[in-house]
Amino acid sequence: MDIVNNCNLRCPFCLYDYSGVRRTNVMTREILEAALRLMPYTKDGEFWFSCLHEPSLHPDFLSFLNLIPNEMRNKVFFTSNIARRMPASYFQGLARSGIDHINISIESRTPEIYERMRKGARFPIFMENWDKLLNAFNEVNSSVALRYIIMAYKSNLHELPDLARYLIEERRAAQVEIRYTYDVPFIDPAFREQEFLTQTDWDWLQANLPTLEPGQILLDRPPVPSGDEPSPAPVPAPTLETGFLPGRYLARLSWDGTLELRGISVASKGNTMIEVPILTKNVRDIGDPETFFNTLDRSEIPA
């Protein structure tokens, strides 16, 4: 879900089109409380408290985190650019939150590259926040894992192996994920031309990343170009169990309570997994979540 509809930055690679966003709308406590009823039906570490947008824009963000029942906090994570100047108390609250993990976005330790990729951010403010966060986490030996998300480009390519090692050895990284860019239409063609990596670049990066514990560094390469794609591995057909099907549904919840529910099915060609729209409704209109899931008509999800 997202508790706001906006971000403080305008990164040139963002997969969200902010051109029509003129104001920041925020989730109400009523909607949040309705949303939290869905938590028992999600897996550990997979309730996205905020992802597309910047949660620290919400004035009640910390109090919203504190509304999560203690026994459910291991299900929660969120993503942040930590580029807004925040007080030490904010990071102390995050350190004590008991959630599963926080994703932190960073592309470079070089100020010029960082500020070009994180448009609207100021490197000194980011570093100030980062130090406050690590101090807070170290003071209480926080159980909240820190994961770093890096977008790979021509500008930062040769920095990435050392950056990944630094994040793990010096900045409490439980995991570093290096990603390719979702090539959405509104990305500036000049940025695409200047910054997107070639397959040769990706090969170099993969060969030069440090060898650490399994799972500490994830490299998310772009799909293989058409024509060079290997035969897909077979995917089992969906089961026909009744009631709520674990792992079958994906849901996206917006700041205003709009819930878009999708089912997971298997495409007839290639056995690839696809998302099938099921319904859209406001989360406040769901009376009992268990009844809601159990009464979903499985015939709406094509096999």
Protein backbone atom coordinates (compact mmCIF):
# COMPACT_ATOMS: atom_id res chain seq x y z
CA MET A 1 0.00 0.00 0.00
CA ASP A 2 0.97 3.67 -0.04
CA ILE A 3 -0.01 6.11 2.68
CA VAL A 4 0.64 9.13 0.41
CA ASN A 5 0.46 9.76 -3.34
CA ASN A 6 3.60 11.84 -3.80
CA CYS A 7 7.37 11.90 -3.45
CA ASN A 8 9.82 14.63 -2.47
CA LEU A 9 12.11 13.69 -5.39
CA ARG A 10 11.72 13.44 -9.16
CA CYS A 11 14.28 10.77 -10.10
CA PRO A 12 14.77 10.48 -13.87
CA PHE A 13 14.23 6.71 -13.81
CA CYS A 14 11.11 6.61 -11.62
CA LEU A 15 8.47 4.15 -12.77
CA TYR A 16 5.70 6.48 -11.53
CA ASP A 17 4.58 9.41 -13.67
CA TYR A 18 4.32 12.43 -11.35
CA SER A 19 3.59 14.91 -14.14
CA GLY A 20 -0.06 15.15 -13.07
CA VAL A 21 0.54 15.21 -9.31
CA ARG A 22 -0.08 18.69 -7.92
CA ARG A 23 -0.60 18.02 -4.21
CA THR A 24 0.18 15.44 -1.57
CA ASN A 25 -2.82 13.41 -0.40
CA VAL A 26 -2.47 11.39 2.78
CA MET A 27 -4.16 8.30 4.17
CA THR A 28 -6.50 8.78 7.14
CA ARG A 29 -6.29 6.73 10.30
CA GLU A 30 -9.71 5.22 9.50
CA ILE A 31 -8.42 3.81 6.22
CA LEU A 32 -5.22 2.55 7.83
CA GLU A 33 -7.14 0.71 10.54
CA ALA A 34 -9.29 -0.93 7.86
CA ALA A 35 -6.14 -1.91 5.94
CA LEU A 36 -4.43 -3.41 8.97
CA ARG A 37 -7.18 -6.04 9.16
CA LEU A 38 -5.67 -7.61 6.05
CA MET A 39 -2.31 -8.20 7.71
CA PRO A 40 -3.03 -11.74 9.00
CA TYR A 41 -3.43 -12.83 5.37
CA THR A 42 0.02 -11.67 4.27
CA LYS A 43 3.39 -13.36 4.56
CA ASP A 44 6.22 -12.23 6.83
CA GLY A 45 8.13 -9.32 5.32
CA GLU A 46 5.60 -8.85 2.50
CA PHE A 47 3.16 -6.21 3.72
CA TRP A 48 4.39 -3.18 1.79
CA PHE A 49 3.58 -0.30 4.14
CA SER A 50 4.81 2.10 1.47
CA CYS A 51 6.60 1.52 -1.79
CA LEU A 52 5.85 3.73 -4.82
CA HIS A 53 5.88 7.01 -2.90
CA GLU A 54 7.79 8.57 0.01
CA PRO A 55 6.11 7.69 3.35
CA SER A 56 7.91 10.36 5.39
CA LEU A 57 5.72 12.95 3.63
CA HIS A 58 2.88 11.72 5.83
CA PRO A 59 2.82 13.82 9.03
CA ASP A 60 1.67 10.81 11.08
CA PHE A 61 3.97 8.20 9.58
CA LEU A 62 5.59 7.10 12.84
CA SER A 63 2.28 6.97 14.69
CA PHE A 64 0.87 4.90 11.82
CA LEU A 65 3.71 2.40 12.26
CA ASN A 66 2.94 2.26 15.97
CA LEU A 67 -0.67 1.27 15.21
CA ILE A 68 0.54 -2.04 13.79
CA PRO A 69 -0.09 -4.83 16.32
CA ASN A 70 3.20 -6.04 17.79
CA GLU A 71 2.62 -9.60 16.62
CA MET A 72 2.18 -8.36 13.03
CA ARG A 73 5.20 -6.08 12.73
CA ASN A 74 7.45 -8.78 11.28
CA LYS A 75 5.21 -8.67 8.18
CA VAL A 76 5.96 -5.03 7.41
CA PHE A 77 8.53 -3.16 5.36
CA PHE A 78 8.68 0.16 3.56
CA THR A 79 10.92 1.96 1.09
CA SER A 80 12.39 5.43 1.66
CA ASN A 81 14.93 7.74 0.08
CA ILE A 82 15.74 9.31 3.53
CA ALA A 83 16.42 12.55 1.65
CA ARG A 84 14.16 14.82 3.74
CA ARG A 85 15.89 16.30 6.79
CA MET A 86 14.36 14.51 9.76
CA PRO A 87 15.07 14.76 13.51
CA ALA A 88 16.98 12.10 15.39
CA SER A 89 13.73 11.10 17.13
CA TYR A 90 12.30 9.99 13.78
CA PHE A 91 15.12 7.51 13.21
CA GLN A 92 14.96 6.40 16.83
CA GLY A 93 11.30 5.57 16.25
CA LEU A 94 12.20 3.52 13.19
CA ALA A 95 14.90 1.65 15.11
CA ARG A 96 12.37 0.65 17.78
CA SER A 97 9.51 -0.08 15.38
CA GLY A 98 10.04 -3.85 15.27
CA ILE A 99 9.12 -4.09 11.58
CA ASP A 100 10.83 -6.59 9.29
CA HIS A 101 13.00 -4.27 7.20
CA ILE A 102 13.47 -0.90 5.52
CA ASN A 103 14.55 -0.41 1.91
CA ILE A 104 16.85 2.59 1.46
CA SER A 105 17.47 4.02 -2.00
CA ILE A 106 21.01 5.06 -2.95
CA GLU A 107 22.89 5.13 -6.26
CA SER A 108 26.25 6.64 -5.36
CA ARG A 109 28.51 8.07 -2.66
CA THR A 110 29.69 10.68 -5.16
CA PRO A 111 27.61 13.83 -4.48
CA GLU A 112 27.26 14.85 -8.13
CA ILE A 113 26.09 11.43 -9.26
CA TYR A 114 23.80 10.99 -6.25
CA GLU A 115 22.09 14.34 -6.81
CA ARG A 116 21.69 13.73 -10.54
CA MET A 117 20.04 10.37 -9.98
CA ARG A 118 18.04 11.46 -6.94
CA LYS A 119 16.73 14.68 -8.48
CA GLY A 120 15.72 17.14 -5.78
CA ALA A 121 17.88 15.56 -3.07
CA ARG A 122 20.91 17.15 -1.45
CA PHE A 123 23.77 14.82 -0.66
CA PRO A 124 24.77 16.48 2.67
CA ILE A 125 21.19 16.13 3.96
CA PHE A 126 21.07 12.48 2.87
CA MET A 127 24.36 11.78 4.68
CA GLU A 128 23.15 13.61 7.78
CA ASN A 129 19.99 11.48 7.85
CA TRP A 130 21.92 8.30 7.10
CA ASP A 131 24.26 8.89 10.04
CA LYS A 132 21.32 9.63 12.34
CA LEU A 133 19.62 6.42 11.23
CA LEU A 134 22.71 4.27 11.81
CA ASN A 135 23.39 5.89 15.18
CA ALA A 136 19.81 5.16 16.25
CA PHE A 137 19.98 1.57 15.04
CA ASN A 138 23.34 0.95 16.69
CA GLU A 139 22.25 2.45 20.01
CA VAL A 140 19.45 -0.08 20.47
CA ASN A 141 20.94 -2.88 18.35
CA SER A 142 17.77 -2.68 16.28
CA SER A 143 16.22 -5.86 14.94
CA VAL A 144 14.95 -3.97 11.88
CA ALA A 145 16.98 -5.05 8.86
CA LEU A 146 18.34 -2.46 6.44
CA ARG A 147 18.27 -3.30 2.76
CA TYR A 148 19.69 -1.03 0.10
CA ILE A 149 18.25 -0.61 -3.39
CA ILE A 150 20.61 0.61 -6.11
CA MET A 151 19.70 1.39 -9.70
CA ALA A 152 22.56 0.56 -12.07
CA TYR A 153 23.62 3.05 -14.78
CA LYS A 154 26.61 4.07 -16.86
CA SER A 155 27.38 6.85 -14.37
CA ASN A 156 27.67 4.62 -11.30
CA LEU A 157 28.57 1.28 -12.89
CA HIS A 158 32.23 1.09 -11.84
CA GLU A 159 31.42 2.30 -8.33
CA LEU A 160 28.90 -0.46 -7.64
CA PRO A 161 31.19 -3.34 -6.55
CA ASP A 162 32.88 -1.20 -3.89
CA LEU A 163 29.57 0.43 -2.92
CA ALA A 164 27.94 -2.96 -2.34
CA ARG A 165 30.82 -4.08 -0.11
CA TYR A 166 30.79 -0.77 1.79
CA LEU A 167 27.06 -1.01 2.50
CA ILE A 168 27.43 -4.52 3.92
CA GLU A 169 30.63 -3.96 5.87
CA GLU A 170 30.08 -0.40 7.10
CA ARG A 171 26.37 0.53 6.86
CA ARG A 172 24.49 -2.41 8.43
CA ALA A 173 23.22 -3.80 5.13
CA ALA A 174 21.41 -7.10 5.50
CA GLN A 175 21.04 -7.11 1.73
CA VAL A 176 22.02 -5.02 -1.28
CA GLU A 177 19.87 -5.25 -4.40
CA ILE A 178 21.15 -3.81 -7.67
CA ARG A 179 18.32 -3.34 -10.16
CA TYR A 180 17.69 -2.59 -13.78
CA THR A 181 15.20 0.13 -14.77
CA TYR A 182 11.63 -0.62 -15.75
CA ASP A 183 11.56 1.10 -19.12
CA VAL A 184 8.32 3.06 -18.78
CA PRO A 185 7.40 5.39 -21.69
CA PHE A 186 7.82 8.68 -19.83
CA ILE A 187 11.55 8.21 -19.10
CA ASP A 188 13.50 10.87 -21.00
CA PRO A 189 14.94 9.25 -24.15
CA ALA A 190 18.23 11.10 -23.58
CA PHE A 191 18.56 9.55 -20.11
CA ARG A 192 17.77 6.13 -21.54
CA GLU A 193 20.40 6.54 -24.24
CA GLN A 194 23.10 7.90 -21.93
CA GLU A 195 22.58 5.73 -18.86
CA PHE A 196 21.02 2.35 -19.61
CA LEU A 197 23.52 -0.51 -19.41
CA THR A 198 24.30 -2.90 -22.22
CA GLN A 199 24.42 -6.65 -21.73
CA THR A 200 28.22 -6.33 -21.73
CA ASP A 201 27.97 -3.81 -18.86
CA TRP A 202 25.78 -6.20 -16.90
CA ASP A 203 28.23 -9.02 -17.53
CA TRP A 204 31.09 -6.87 -16.20
CA LEU A 205 29.09 -5.94 -13.13
CA GLN A 206 28.12 -9.51 -12.38
CA ALA A 207 31.75 -10.63 -12.71
CA ASN A 208 33.08 -7.87 -10.43
CA LEU A 209 30.63 -7.89 -7.54
CA PRO A 210 32.22 -9.07 -4.29
CA THR A 211 31.71 -12.66 -3.22
CA LEU A 212 29.97 -12.54 0.14
CA GLU A 213 27.44 -14.62 2.04
CA PRO A 214 24.65 -16.03 -0.17
CA GLY A 215 21.75 -13.61 -0.50
CA GLN A 216 23.66 -10.53 0.64
CA ILE A 217 23.95 -9.12 -2.89
CA LEU A 218 21.16 -9.53 -5.41
CA LEU A 219 21.65 -8.57 -9.04
CA ASP A 220 18.39 -7.96 -10.88
CA ARG A 221 19.39 -7.94 -14.54
CA PRO A 222 17.00 -6.93 -17.33
CA PRO A 223 15.20 -9.64 -19.29
CA VAL A 224 17.20 -11.26 -22.07
CA PRO A 225 16.42 -9.55 -25.42
CA SER A 226 13.86 -11.28 -27.59
CA GLY A 227 15.44 -13.95 -29.77
CA ASP A 228 18.11 -14.81 -27.20
CA GLU A 229 15.67 -15.88 -24.54
CA PRO A 230 16.08 -19.41 -23.23
CA SER A 231 13.11 -21.75 -23.07
CA PRO A 232 11.04 -20.96 -19.98
CA ALA A 233 10.96 -23.42 -17.14
CA PRO A 234 7.57 -25.10 -16.70
CA VAL A 235 5.28 -23.49 -14.15
CA PRO A 236 2.72 -25.62 -12.33
CA ALA A 237 -0.91 -24.83 -13.03
CA PRO A 238 -2.81 -23.10 -10.23
CA THR A 239 -4.53 -25.31 -7.72
CA LEU A 240 -8.30 -25.37 -7.43
CA GLU A 241 -8.61 -25.16 -3.67
CA THR A 242 -11.61 -23.42 -2.22
CA GLY A 243 -11.46 -20.42 0.09
CA PHE A 244 -8.49 -18.08 0.46
CA LEU A 245 -5.57 -19.34 -1.62
CA PRO A 246 -2.18 -18.46 -0.03
CA GLY A 247 0.13 -16.77 -2.50
CA ARG A 248 -2.59 -16.43 -5.13
CA TYR A 249 -3.65 -12.83 -4.62
CA LEU A 250 -1.89 -9.53 -5.00
CA ALA A 251 -3.50 -6.38 -3.69
CA ARG A 252 -2.65 -2.71 -4.10
CA LEU A 253 -4.06 -0.20 -1.65
CA SER A 254 -3.98 3.53 -2.37
CA TRP A 255 -4.00 6.41 0.12
CA ASP A 256 -7.78 6.86 -0.32
CA GLY A 257 -8.58 3.22 0.51
CA THR A 258 -9.01 1.97 -3.05
CA LEU A 259 -8.11 -1.71 -3.06
CA GLU A 260 -7.24 -3.36 -6.37
CA LEU A 261 -7.21 -7.14 -6.03
CA ARG A 262 -5.55 -9.38 -8.59
CA GLY A 263 -5.27 -13.12 -8.86
CA ILE A 264 -2.24 -15.08 -9.99
CA SER A 265 -2.77 -17.37 -12.95
CA VAL A 266 -0.71 -19.09 -15.64
CA ALA A 267 -0.70 -17.82 -19.20
CA SER A 268 -1.68 -20.35 -21.85
CA LYS A 269 1.46 -19.53 -23.84
CA GLY A 270 4.83 -20.06 -22.23
CA ASN A 271 3.45 -21.04 -18.82
CA THR A 272 4.34 -17.58 -17.50
CA MET A 273 2.71 -16.22 -14.38
CA ILE A 274 0.25 -13.39 -14.98
CA GLU A 275 -1.87 -11.11 -12.82
CA VAL A 276 -5.60 -11.23 -13.45
CA PRO A 277 -7.75 -8.29 -12.22
CA ILE A 278 -10.52 -9.52 -9.94
CA LEU A 279 -12.13 -6.52 -8.32
CA THR A 280 -11.70 -2.97 -7.08
CA LYS A 281 -13.40 -1.69 -3.94
CA ASN A 282 -12.70 0.47 -0.93
CA VAL A 283 -11.05 -1.35 1.94
CA ARG A 284 -13.51 0.29 4.33
CA ASP A 285 -16.32 -1.59 2.59
CA ILE A 286 -14.87 -4.99 3.49
CA GLY A 287 -16.81 -6.13 6.52
CA ASP A 288 -14.96 -9.26 7.63
CA PRO A 289 -11.69 -9.96 5.75
CA GLU A 290 -11.86 -13.73 6.24
CA THR A 291 -15.38 -13.90 4.83
CA PHE A 292 -14.32 -11.60 2.01
CA PHE A 293 -11.45 -13.85 0.94
CA ASN A 294 -13.35 -17.09 1.46
CA THR A 295 -16.28 -15.98 -0.67
CA LEU A 296 -14.20 -14.83 -3.65
CA ASP A 297 -15.51 -16.71 -6.67
CA ARG A 298 -12.57 -18.76 -7.91
CA SER A 299 -14.22 -18.94 -11.32
CA GLU A 300 -13.20 -15.30 -11.74
CA ILE A 301 -9.57 -16.43 -11.90
CA PRO A 302 -9.02 -18.16 -15.28
CA ALA A 303 -6.81 -21.24 -15.24
